[in-house]
Protein backbone atom coordinates (compact mmCIF):
# COMPACT_ATOMS: atom_id res chain seq x y z
CA UNK A 1 95.49 -121.36 -4.84
CA UNK A 2 98.54 -122.94 -3.70
CA UNK A 3 101.97 -121.98 -4.81
CA UNK A 4 102.62 -124.84 -7.34
CA UNK A 5 99.22 -123.57 -9.05
CA UNK A 6 100.20 -119.94 -8.84
CA UNK A 7 103.53 -120.32 -10.55
CA UNK A 8 101.92 -122.37 -13.30
CA UNK A 9 99.42 -119.32 -13.73
CA UNK A 10 102.28 -116.77 -13.66
CA UNK A 11 104.40 -118.97 -16.03
CA UNK A 12 101.41 -118.80 -18.66
CA UNK A 13 100.84 -114.93 -17.93
CA UNK A 14 104.69 -114.35 -18.82
CA UNK A 15 104.27 -115.89 -22.17
CA UNK A 16 101.40 -113.82 -22.84
CA UNK A 17 102.66 -110.68 -21.63
CA UNK A 18 106.27 -111.44 -23.34
CA UNK A 19 104.11 -111.56 -26.73
CA UNK A 20 102.55 -108.31 -25.93
CA UNK A 21 105.60 -106.72 -25.05
CA UNK A 22 107.35 -107.39 -28.26
CA UNK A 23 103.95 -106.38 -30.40
CA UNK A 24 104.18 -103.09 -28.83
CA UNK A 25 107.86 -102.15 -29.28
CA UNK A 26 107.54 -100.09 -32.73
CA UNK A 27 110.39 -98.74 -34.24
CA UNK A 28 108.83 -95.16 -34.10
CA UNK A 29 108.15 -95.19 -30.26
CA UNK A 30 110.64 -95.08 -27.58
CA UNK A 31 112.02 -98.32 -27.24
CA UNK A 32 111.19 -100.77 -24.46
CA UNK A 33 113.86 -101.89 -22.09
CA UNK A 34 114.06 -104.82 -19.48
CA UNK A 35 114.65 -104.50 -15.73
CA UNK A 36 114.78 -106.78 -13.00
CA UNK A 37 113.95 -106.14 -9.29
CA UNK A 38 115.11 -108.38 -6.55
CA UNK A 39 114.14 -108.07 -2.86
CA UNK A 40 116.20 -110.01 -0.18
CA UNK A 41 114.46 -109.89 2.97
CA UNK A 42 115.73 -111.71 6.14
CA UNK A 43 113.71 -110.78 9.16
CA UNK A 44 114.88 -111.54 12.77
CA UNK A 45 114.08 -115.19 13.85
CA UNK A 46 113.07 -114.82 17.51
CA UNK A 47 109.29 -114.62 18.03
CA UNK A 48 106.52 -117.07 16.68
CA UNK A 49 104.97 -114.70 14.12
CA UNK A 50 105.95 -112.58 11.46
CA UNK A 51 103.96 -111.03 8.32
CA UNK A 52 105.62 -109.34 5.50
CA UNK A 53 104.44 -107.23 2.56
CA UNK A 54 106.57 -106.05 -0.77
CA UNK A 55 105.20 -103.51 -3.23
CA UNK A 56 105.22 -105.16 -6.54
CA UNK A 57 105.25 -103.43 -9.93
CA UNK A 58 101.89 -102.00 -10.95
CA UNK A 59 99.90 -104.04 -13.88
CA UNK A 60 97.70 -102.72 -16.27
CA UNK A 61 100.18 -99.94 -17.27
CA UNK A 62 100.56 -101.02 -20.82
CA UNK A 63 101.48 -97.64 -22.45
CA UNK A 64 104.68 -97.55 -20.23
CA UNK A 65 105.37 -100.42 -18.02
CA UNK A 66 104.70 -104.23 -18.82
CA UNK A 67 105.42 -106.81 -15.94
CA UNK A 68 106.19 -110.32 -17.58
CA UNK A 69 107.66 -112.43 -15.00
CA UNK A 70 107.27 -112.61 -11.04
CA UNK A 71 108.71 -115.47 -8.82
CA UNK A 72 109.89 -115.86 -4.97
CA UNK A 73 111.67 -118.29 -2.99
CA UNK A 74 112.33 -118.60 0.88
CA UNK A 75 111.14 -120.23 4.17
CA UNK A 76 107.67 -118.78 4.32
CA UNK A 77 105.16 -121.50 4.61
CA UNK A 78 102.56 -119.14 3.16
CA UNK A 79 103.66 -116.68 0.53
CA UNK A 80 101.70 -115.12 -2.59
CA UNK A 81 102.40 -112.75 -5.45
CA UNK A 82 98.73 -111.05 -5.74
CA UNK A 83 96.89 -107.96 -6.46
CA UNK A 84 94.56 -106.61 -3.87
CA UNK A 85 90.81 -106.46 -4.67
CA UNK A 86 89.90 -103.02 -2.79
CA UNK A 87 93.07 -101.17 -3.96
CA UNK A 88 94.47 -102.68 -7.00
CA UNK A 89 97.82 -102.60 -5.25
CA UNK A 90 100.15 -105.59 -6.58
CA UNK A 91 102.18 -106.80 -3.51
CA UNK A 92 104.01 -109.89 -2.16
CA UNK A 93 102.84 -111.32 1.16
CA UNK A 94 104.54 -113.89 3.38
CA UNK A 95 103.74 -115.14 6.74
CA UNK A 96 105.41 -117.09 9.30
CA UNK A 97 103.65 -118.62 12.65
CA UNK A 98 106.73 -120.20 14.12
CA UNK A 99 110.58 -119.51 15.54
CA UNK A 100 112.91 -119.77 12.87
CA UNK A 101 114.43 -118.50 9.51
CA UNK A 102 112.50 -115.69 8.08
CA UNK A 103 113.97 -115.04 4.72
CA UNK A 104 112.68 -114.73 1.29
CA UNK A 105 113.81 -113.60 -2.24
CA UNK A 106 111.35 -112.01 -4.53
CA UNK A 107 112.10 -110.99 -8.02
CA UNK A 108 110.02 -109.28 -10.86
CA UNK A 109 111.19 -108.66 -14.54
CA UNK A 110 109.50 -105.46 -16.04
CA UNK A 111 109.47 -103.69 -19.53
CA UNK A 112 109.74 -99.94 -19.52
CA UNK A 113 109.58 -97.03 -21.91
CA UNK A 114 109.43 -93.19 -21.45
CA UNK A 115 105.99 -92.06 -21.00
CA UNK A 116 105.33 -88.82 -22.99
CA UNK A 117 101.75 -87.19 -22.89
CA UNK A 118 100.11 -85.56 -26.18
CA UNK A 119 98.82 -82.19 -24.60
CA UNK A 120 97.50 -81.21 -27.97
CA UNK A 121 94.57 -83.84 -27.61
CA UNK A 122 93.07 -82.10 -24.62
CA UNK A 123 89.52 -81.82 -24.93
CA UNK A 124 88.67 -78.59 -22.87
CA UNK A 125 84.85 -78.30 -23.88
CA UNK A 126 84.46 -81.69 -22.19
CA UNK A 127 86.65 -81.08 -19.24
CA UNK A 128 83.71 -81.50 -16.81
CA UNK A 129 82.95 -84.93 -18.19
CA UNK A 130 84.85 -87.34 -16.03
CA UNK A 131 84.61 -90.88 -16.18
CA UNK A 132 83.11 -92.55 -12.91
CA UNK A 133 86.24 -94.19 -11.88
CA UNK A 134 88.15 -90.64 -11.99
CA UNK A 135 85.77 -88.79 -10.04
CA UNK A 136 87.41 -90.44 -6.75
CA UNK A 137 90.50 -88.75 -7.52
CA UNK A 138 88.82 -85.44 -6.85
CA UNK A 139 87.88 -86.35 -3.15
CA UNK A 140 89.77 -85.22 0.00
CA UNK A 141 91.60 -87.74 2.07
CA UNK A 142 93.37 -87.75 5.45
CA UNK A 143 96.65 -86.63 4.11
CA UNK A 144 95.12 -84.55 1.23
CA UNK A 145 92.51 -82.47 2.13
CA UNK A 146 91.11 -79.69 -0.16
CA UNK A 147 89.62 -77.07 1.91
CA UNK A 148 90.94 -74.37 4.02
CA UNK A 149 94.66 -73.37 3.36
CA UNK A 150 94.86 -76.03 0.47
CA UNK A 151 91.60 -74.47 -1.40
CA UNK A 152 92.91 -71.09 -0.64
CA UNK A 153 96.37 -71.73 -2.28
CA UNK A 154 95.00 -73.36 -5.11
CA UNK A 155 92.79 -70.34 -5.69
CA UNK A 156 96.05 -68.08 -5.33
CA UNK A 157 98.22 -70.64 -7.78
CA UNK A 158 95.61 -70.74 -10.49
CA UNK A 159 94.33 -67.20 -10.56
CA UNK A 160 94.09 -66.09 -14.24
CA UNK A 161 94.18 -69.64 -15.49
CA UNK A 162 91.01 -70.80 -17.40
CA UNK A 163 90.93 -74.06 -18.59
CA UNK A 164 91.86 -77.36 -16.64
CA UNK A 165 95.27 -77.53 -18.48
CA UNK A 166 96.17 -74.06 -17.62
CA UNK A 167 95.19 -74.67 -13.94
CA UNK A 168 97.44 -77.73 -13.77
CA UNK A 169 100.48 -76.11 -15.32
CA UNK A 170 99.95 -73.05 -13.10
CA UNK A 171 99.85 -75.32 -9.98
CA UNK A 172 103.06 -77.36 -11.34
CA UNK A 173 104.77 -73.89 -11.78
CA UNK A 174 103.66 -72.85 -8.28
CA UNK A 175 104.83 -76.13 -6.61
CA UNK A 176 108.29 -76.05 -8.33
CA UNK A 177 108.77 -72.31 -7.74
CA UNK A 178 107.77 -72.50 -3.80
CA UNK A 179 109.04 -75.95 -2.71
CA UNK A 180 112.50 -77.22 -2.07
CA UNK A 181 114.05 -80.59 -1.58
CA UNK A 182 114.91 -81.05 2.36
CA UNK A 183 117.49 -83.74 2.75
CA UNK A 184 116.90 -83.98 6.47
CA UNK A 185 113.43 -85.36 5.75
CA UNK A 186 113.23 -89.16 6.45
CA UNK A 187 112.64 -91.36 3.62
CA UNK A 188 110.39 -89.77 1.03
CA UNK A 189 108.33 -87.69 3.56
CA UNK A 190 104.78 -87.96 4.88
CA UNK A 191 102.97 -86.21 2.42
CA UNK A 192 100.70 -84.48 4.51
CA UNK A 193 99.62 -81.24 2.15
CA UNK A 194 97.99 -79.19 5.06
CA UNK A 195 101.05 -79.58 7.25
CA UNK A 196 103.23 -78.76 4.81
CA UNK A 197 101.69 -75.34 3.54
CA UNK A 198 101.10 -74.47 7.27
CA UNK A 199 104.88 -74.89 7.82
CA UNK A 200 105.59 -71.89 6.01
CA UNK A 201 108.82 -73.23 4.64
CA UNK A 202 107.72 -75.88 1.91
CA UNK A 203 110.35 -78.01 2.27
CA UNK A 204 110.31 -81.89 1.85
CA UNK A 205 110.89 -84.81 -0.43
CA UNK A 206 109.04 -86.32 -3.43
CA UNK A 207 105.93 -87.58 -1.25
CA UNK A 208 105.70 -84.22 0.14
CA UNK A 209 105.88 -82.08 -3.13
CA UNK A 210 103.87 -84.70 -5.22
CA UNK A 211 100.99 -85.00 -2.97
CA UNK A 212 101.17 -80.89 -2.83
CA UNK A 213 100.74 -80.86 -6.38
CA UNK A 214 97.67 -83.47 -6.04
CA UNK A 215 96.00 -81.55 -3.13
CA UNK A 216 96.17 -78.39 -5.29
CA UNK A 217 94.67 -79.70 -8.17
CA UNK A 218 91.89 -81.47 -6.45
CA UNK A 219 91.35 -78.37 -4.59
CA UNK A 220 90.97 -76.81 -8.17
CA UNK A 221 88.65 -79.36 -9.87
CA UNK A 222 90.98 -81.25 -11.30
CA UNK A 223 91.39 -85.18 -10.67
CA UNK A 224 95.06 -85.94 -9.57
CA UNK A 225 96.82 -88.82 -7.58
CA UNK A 226 100.46 -89.75 -6.42
CA UNK A 227 102.10 -92.64 -7.87
CA UNK A 228 104.69 -94.51 -5.73
CA UNK A 229 107.67 -96.33 -7.16
CA UNK A 230 111.14 -97.02 -7.40
CA UNK A 231 114.22 -95.75 -9.50
CA UNK A 232 116.23 -98.49 -11.28
CA UNK A 233 119.06 -97.53 -13.67
CA UNK A 234 120.84 -94.42 -15.11
CA UNK A 235 118.85 -91.11 -16.16
CA UNK A 236 119.37 -89.50 -19.61
CA UNK A 237 118.07 -86.30 -17.99
CA UNK A 238 120.49 -85.78 -14.76
CA UNK A 239 122.72 -87.79 -12.81
CA UNK A 240 120.65 -86.82 -9.62
CA UNK A 241 117.96 -88.82 -11.22
CA UNK A 242 120.02 -92.06 -11.54
CA UNK A 243 119.98 -95.32 -9.41
CA UNK A 244 122.95 -97.55 -8.99
CA UNK A 245 122.54 -101.47 -8.48
CA UNK A 246 121.55 -101.25 -4.72
CA UNK A 247 118.35 -99.30 -5.14
CA UNK A 248 117.32 -100.07 -1.47
CA UNK A 249 116.98 -96.14 -0.81
CA UNK A 250 115.91 -95.25 -4.31
CA UNK A 251 111.92 -95.02 -3.79
CA UNK A 252 110.51 -92.02 -5.59
CA UNK A 253 106.88 -90.61 -5.82
CA UNK A 254 105.54 -88.76 -8.81
CA UNK A 255 102.06 -87.41 -9.58
CA UNK A 256 99.57 -87.35 -12.50
CA UNK A 257 96.49 -85.46 -13.23
CA UNK A 258 93.32 -86.38 -15.50
CA UNK A 259 92.47 -84.34 -18.74
CA UNK A 260 89.42 -85.02 -20.50
CA UNK A 261 90.10 -85.97 -24.20
CA UNK A 262 93.82 -87.13 -23.09
CA UNK A 263 93.61 -89.26 -19.70
CA UNK A 264 96.26 -89.17 -17.21
CA UNK A 265 99.05 -86.78 -17.61
CA UNK A 266 102.56 -87.51 -15.87
CA UNK A 267 104.26 -84.84 -13.93
CA UNK A 268 107.26 -84.89 -11.64
CA UNK A 269 107.75 -81.49 -9.76
CA UNK A 270 110.03 -83.22 -6.94
CA UNK A 271 112.54 -84.27 -9.38
CA UNK A 272 113.17 -80.54 -10.31
CA UNK A 273 113.95 -79.87 -6.79
CA UNK A 274 116.23 -82.88 -6.61
CA UNK A 275 118.51 -81.63 -9.50
CA UNK A 276 118.57 -78.26 -7.83
CA UNK A 277 119.80 -79.70 -4.78
CA UNK A 278 121.92 -82.50 -5.95
CA UNK A 279 123.59 -80.69 -9.01
CA UNK A 280 123.94 -77.41 -6.59
CA UNK A 281 122.08 -75.24 -9.47
CA UNK A 282 119.71 -72.29 -8.91
CA UNK A 283 116.21 -72.78 -10.08
CA UNK A 284 116.88 -70.01 -12.92
CA UNK A 285 119.99 -72.29 -14.43
CA UNK A 286 118.83 -73.08 -17.77
CA UNK A 287 119.46 -76.76 -17.43
CA UNK A 288 116.86 -76.46 -14.41
CA UNK A 289 114.60 -74.70 -16.46
CA UNK A 290 114.74 -77.21 -19.24
CA UNK A 291 114.19 -80.12 -16.95
CA UNK A 292 111.24 -78.06 -15.29
CA UNK A 293 109.49 -77.90 -18.68
CA UNK A 294 110.05 -81.51 -19.52
CA UNK A 295 108.93 -83.04 -16.32
CA UNK A 296 105.31 -81.47 -17.28
CA UNK A 297 103.96 -84.19 -19.26
CA UNK A 298 106.71 -86.62 -19.21
CA UNK A 299 107.96 -89.72 -16.97
CA UNK A 300 111.39 -90.79 -17.65
CA UNK A 301 110.93 -94.54 -17.33
CA UNK A 302 114.17 -95.58 -15.10
CA UNK A 303 111.78 -95.84 -12.66
CA UNK A 304 109.02 -98.93 -11.79
CA UNK A 305 105.64 -97.76 -10.58
CA UNK A 306 104.04 -99.81 -7.80
CA UNK A 307 100.94 -98.12 -7.14
CA UNK A 308 98.64 -94.86 -6.08
CA UNK A 309 96.77 -96.15 -2.93
CA UNK A 310 96.74 -93.65 0.20
CA UNK A 311 95.37 -94.44 3.71
CA UNK A 312 94.63 -98.14 3.49
CA UNK A 313 95.39 -101.36 5.36
CA UNK A 314 97.53 -104.11 4.34
CA UNK A 315 95.85 -107.47 4.44
CA UNK A 316 95.75 -110.63 5.07
CA UNK A 317 95.69 -111.36 8.05
CA UNK A 318 93.35 -109.11 10.00
CA UNK A 319 94.05 -107.04 11.66
CA UNK A 320 96.28 -105.70 9.07
CA UNK A 321 98.77 -102.93 8.89
CA UNK A 322 97.60 -99.44 8.21
CA UNK A 323 99.66 -97.38 6.01
CA UNK A 324 99.71 -93.62 4.64
CA UNK A 325 101.01 -95.11 1.37
CA UNK A 326 102.94 -98.19 0.27
CA UNK A 327 106.33 -97.87 -1.44
CA UNK A 328 108.62 -99.28 0.94
CA UNK A 329 108.80 -103.09 2.42
CA UNK A 330 106.41 -103.45 5.16
CA UNK A 331 106.56 -105.89 8.20
CA UNK A 332 105.19 -107.04 11.50
CA UNK A 333 107.48 -109.11 13.93
CA UNK A 334 105.64 -110.39 16.73
CA UNK A 335 103.01 -107.72 16.23
CA UNK A 336 105.78 -104.82 15.87
CA UNK A 337 106.08 -102.80 12.82
CA UNK A 338 109.55 -102.72 11.44
CA UNK A 339 111.36 -99.44 10.54
CA UNK A 340 110.29 -99.36 6.73
CA UNK A 341 112.44 -96.44 5.35
CA UNK A 342 115.75 -97.77 7.14
CA UNK A 343 116.83 -100.95 5.03
CA UNK A 344 119.42 -102.15 7.60
CA UNK A 345 117.14 -101.86 10.29
CA UNK A 346 114.38 -103.77 8.69
CA UNK A 347 116.79 -106.05 7.06
CA UNK A 348 115.92 -105.69 3.40
CA UNK A 349 118.07 -105.02 0.19
CA UNK A 350 116.61 -104.12 -3.13
CA UNK A 351 118.65 -104.81 -6.18
CA UNK A 352 117.87 -103.36 -9.40
CA UNK A 353 119.63 -104.01 -12.79
CA UNK A 354 119.01 -103.70 -16.59
CA UNK A 355 118.24 -107.07 -18.55
């Protein structure tokens, strides 16, 4: 598909999605609000080849996120906004094969509304009956193992809990109680659960803390996954959870777990630690305790979800770029990866604003 055909298809999809979002904005529900993400990337001009991948807003999140317009412009002879068939990751890809300007601007307009789970609908009697596409989120992975110290910690954290909901809540409380946000960690952290537990200090950032929740849930028999995204706009919960117009360093990882009868339940244990650090409050402070309770089963949607993929390769071309997770812009220039967590070194800027 060439760029003109793609843009025609994108335009048709935008009309359908715009109609859907208007129909879904019921007065009794949390109101939808629109935001725009804009990537501006200018890679080094030297070298014949360059490959660029940008995480784009996740599609098929109709209860809390609707993507209704995407576009790009720039010097890339090859460029596309697409969805990876293997992982479901939404992304922008651009490639250059000769020296010269290597710059693009990519925009996405998204409707968002707060996501609140109804935990009263959990069917504990059917807890063992999971859809086939959910069972994969019980499996261990390179960065999220479920044996050894992860399994024993999950056993300790859930002692006395009987149902999946009770176990998930016990794990959430254990993670909030035992972890802390470490500002020295680069980016959002690695999210290596075994290493975090073996460190004994349990300090990290959002990818570390959310991955720990996911790993402990899986070890306890509860499907769970991380969700990677980016903050945009102010927070009604805390100034610590807000973002300005320049969101180049506003990436944030959350988590969710699955309950039969209810579906995927949102949680955000990492943001409790962020409030503690940024507002200089103890964990026992009434404000922190209220936020702690609220973020079990709730996502405030001043945040755009990207994807939940772990340990995969970005393609095209082959060989692609192997990743732990995809939350930051990624690029190969003359075959050498750029430093994705440092916007000035990579040479990108991400802007976010309300529409």
